[in-house]
Amino acid sequence: MPNDTQIEKLKRFMADKVMSEAVRDVLEKTLVQETGLRDVHILAAERLAIDFIANAWLELEKYKPEKEREASNLRQVGL
């Protein structure tokens, strides 16, 4: 569990939309780099890594400012 200082840093990080999206993009692209190895074990490991990043990002979303969380919940997916 992060301490108060770490929580404040996480809040600032998640409030900076450009920075947080750039970090997520780099993490996801790094996980799916071509290694030349395409067996079932490598593919499964890549999928697990992507899922772990997605789950971790959901945890980080809790540190977003309240206004941004409300705005992201108001999106209409069907449009």
C-alpha atoms as a PDB file:
ATOM      1  CA  MET A   1       0.000   0.000   0.000  1.00  0.00           C
ATOM      2  CA  PRO A   2       1.474   3.368  -0.985  1.00  0.00           C
ATOM      3  CA  ASN A   3       2.249   5.947   1.681  1.00  0.00           C
ATOM      4  CA  ASP A   4       0.870   9.508   1.592  1.00  0.00           C
ATOM      5  CA  THR A   5       3.766  10.864  -0.463  1.00  0.00           C
ATOM      6  CA  GLN A   6       3.432   8.102  -3.024  1.00  0.00           C
ATOM      7  CA  ILE A   7      -0.323   8.642  -3.238  1.00  0.00           C
ATOM      8  CA  GLU A   8       0.191  12.339  -4.003  1.00  0.00           C
ATOM      9  CA  LYS A   9       2.738  11.480  -6.694  1.00  0.00           C
ATOM     10  CA  LEU A  10       0.330   8.967  -8.226  1.00  0.00           C
ATOM     11  CA  LYS A  11      -2.454  11.553  -8.220  1.00  0.00           C
ATOM     12  CA  ARG A  12      -0.220  14.048 -10.032  1.00  0.00           C
ATOM     13  CA  PHE A  13       0.879  11.411 -12.517  1.00  0.00           C
ATOM     14  CA  MET A  14      -2.690  10.390 -13.329  1.00  0.00           C
ATOM     15  CA  ALA A  15      -3.807  14.036 -13.524  1.00  0.00           C
ATOM     16  CA  ASP A  16      -1.230  14.578 -16.291  1.00  0.00           C
ATOM     17  CA  LYS A  17      -3.179  12.929 -19.093  1.00  0.00           C
ATOM     18  CA  VAL A  18      -0.431  13.222 -21.718  1.00  0.00           C
ATOM     19  CA  MET A  19       2.206  11.715 -19.440  1.00  0.00           C
ATOM     20  CA  SER A  20       0.048   8.861 -18.187  1.00  0.00           C
ATOM     21  CA  GLU A  21      -1.120   7.945 -21.711  1.00  0.00           C
ATOM     22  CA  ALA A  22       2.472   8.052 -22.983  1.00  0.00           C
ATOM     23  CA  VAL A  23       3.667   5.738 -20.209  1.00  0.00           C
ATOM     24  CA  ARG A  24       0.829   3.289 -20.819  1.00  0.00           C
ATOM     25  CA  ASP A  25       1.503   3.328 -24.562  1.00  0.00           C
ATOM     26  CA  VAL A  26       5.205   2.588 -24.049  1.00  0.00           C
ATOM     27  CA  LEU A  27       4.440  -0.264 -21.644  1.00  0.00           C
ATOM     28  CA  GLU A  28       1.921  -1.874 -23.985  1.00  0.00           C
ATOM     29  CA  LYS A  29       4.108  -1.508 -27.096  1.00  0.00           C
ATOM     30  CA  THR A  30       7.125  -2.920 -25.263  1.00  0.00           C
ATOM     31  CA  LEU A  31       5.137  -6.008 -24.287  1.00  0.00           C
ATOM     32  CA  VAL A  32       4.165  -6.872 -27.844  1.00  0.00           C
ATOM     33  CA  GLN A  33       7.537  -6.326 -29.531  1.00  0.00           C
ATOM     34  CA  GLU A  34       8.526  -8.800 -32.183  1.00  0.00           C
ATOM     35  CA  THR A  35      10.995 -11.243 -30.675  1.00  0.00           C
ATOM     36  CA  GLY A  36      10.995 -13.759 -33.491  1.00  0.00           C
ATOM     37  CA  LEU A  37       9.640 -16.388 -31.110  1.00  0.00           C
ATOM     38  CA  ARG A  38       5.970 -17.148 -31.713  1.00  0.00           C
ATOM     39  CA  ASP A  39       5.258 -20.381 -29.898  1.00  0.00           C
ATOM     40  CA  VAL A  40       2.194 -20.823 -27.729  1.00  0.00           C
ATOM     41  CA  HIS A  41       4.103 -20.146 -24.508  1.00  0.00           C
ATOM     42  CA  ILE A  42       5.436 -16.786 -25.703  1.00  0.00           C
ATOM     43  CA  LEU A  43       2.002 -15.760 -26.950  1.00  0.00           C
ATOM     44  CA  ALA A  44       0.411 -16.784 -23.648  1.00  0.00           C
ATOM     45  CA  ALA A  45       3.030 -14.847 -21.687  1.00  0.00           C
ATOM     46  CA  GLU A  46       2.420 -11.745 -23.836  1.00  0.00           C
ATOM     47  CA  ARG A  47      -1.329 -12.012 -23.262  1.00  0.00           C
ATOM     48  CA  LEU A  48      -0.845 -12.375 -19.506  1.00  0.00           C
ATOM     49  CA  ALA A  49       1.495  -9.384 -19.436  1.00  0.00           C
ATOM     50  CA  ILE A  50      -1.041  -7.248 -21.316  1.00  0.00           C
ATOM     51  CA  ASP A  51      -3.784  -8.329 -18.915  1.00  0.00           C
ATOM     52  CA  PHE A  52      -1.587  -7.520 -15.909  1.00  0.00           C
ATOM     53  CA  ILE A  53      -0.861  -4.033 -17.274  1.00  0.00           C
ATOM     54  CA  ALA A  54      -4.592  -3.466 -17.884  1.00  0.00           C
ATOM     55  CA  ASN A  55      -5.422  -4.545 -14.318  1.00  0.00           C
ATOM     56  CA  ALA A  56      -2.670  -2.380 -12.869  1.00  0.00           C
ATOM     57  CA  TRP A  57      -3.934   0.565 -14.897  1.00  0.00           C
ATOM     58  CA  LEU A  58      -7.422   0.090 -13.465  1.00  0.00           C
ATOM     59  CA  GLU A  59      -5.848   0.365 -10.030  1.00  0.00           C
ATOM     60  CA  LEU A  60      -4.068   3.574 -11.057  1.00  0.00           C
ATOM     61  CA  GLU A  61      -7.358   4.997 -12.339  1.00  0.00           C
ATOM     62  CA  LYS A  62      -8.418   5.247  -8.688  1.00  0.00           C
ATOM     63  CA  TYR A  63      -5.866   8.050  -8.290  1.00  0.00           C
ATOM     64  CA  LYS A  64      -7.314  10.173 -11.098  1.00  0.00           C
ATOM     65  CA  PRO A  65      -8.940  13.423 -10.035  1.00  0.00           C
ATOM     66  CA  GLU A  66     -12.664  12.990  -9.343  1.00  0.00           C
ATOM     67  CA  LYS A  67     -13.729  15.222 -12.265  1.00  0.00           C
ATOM     68  CA  GLU A  68     -11.852  13.094 -14.796  1.00  0.00           C
ATOM     69  CA  ARG A  69     -13.310   9.863 -13.419  1.00  0.00           C
ATOM     70  CA  GLU A  70     -16.833  11.272 -13.700  1.00  0.00           C
ATOM     71  CA  ALA A  71     -16.209  12.500 -17.241  1.00  0.00           C
ATOM     72  CA  SER A  72     -14.853   9.141 -18.359  1.00  0.00           C
ATOM     73  CA  ASN A  73     -17.946   7.387 -16.955  1.00  0.00           C
ATOM     74  CA  LEU A  74     -20.244   9.621 -19.023  1.00  0.00           C
ATOM     75  CA  ARG A  75     -18.998   8.429 -22.417  1.00  0.00           C
ATOM     76  CA  GLN A  76     -21.575   6.841 -24.667  1.00  0.00           C
ATOM     77  CA  VAL A  77     -20.067   3.692 -26.081  1.00  0.00           C
ATOM     78  CA  GLY A  78     -22.757   3.194 -28.697  1.00  0.00           C
ATOM     79  CA  LEU A  79     -22.011   6.408 -30.576  1.00  0.00           C
END
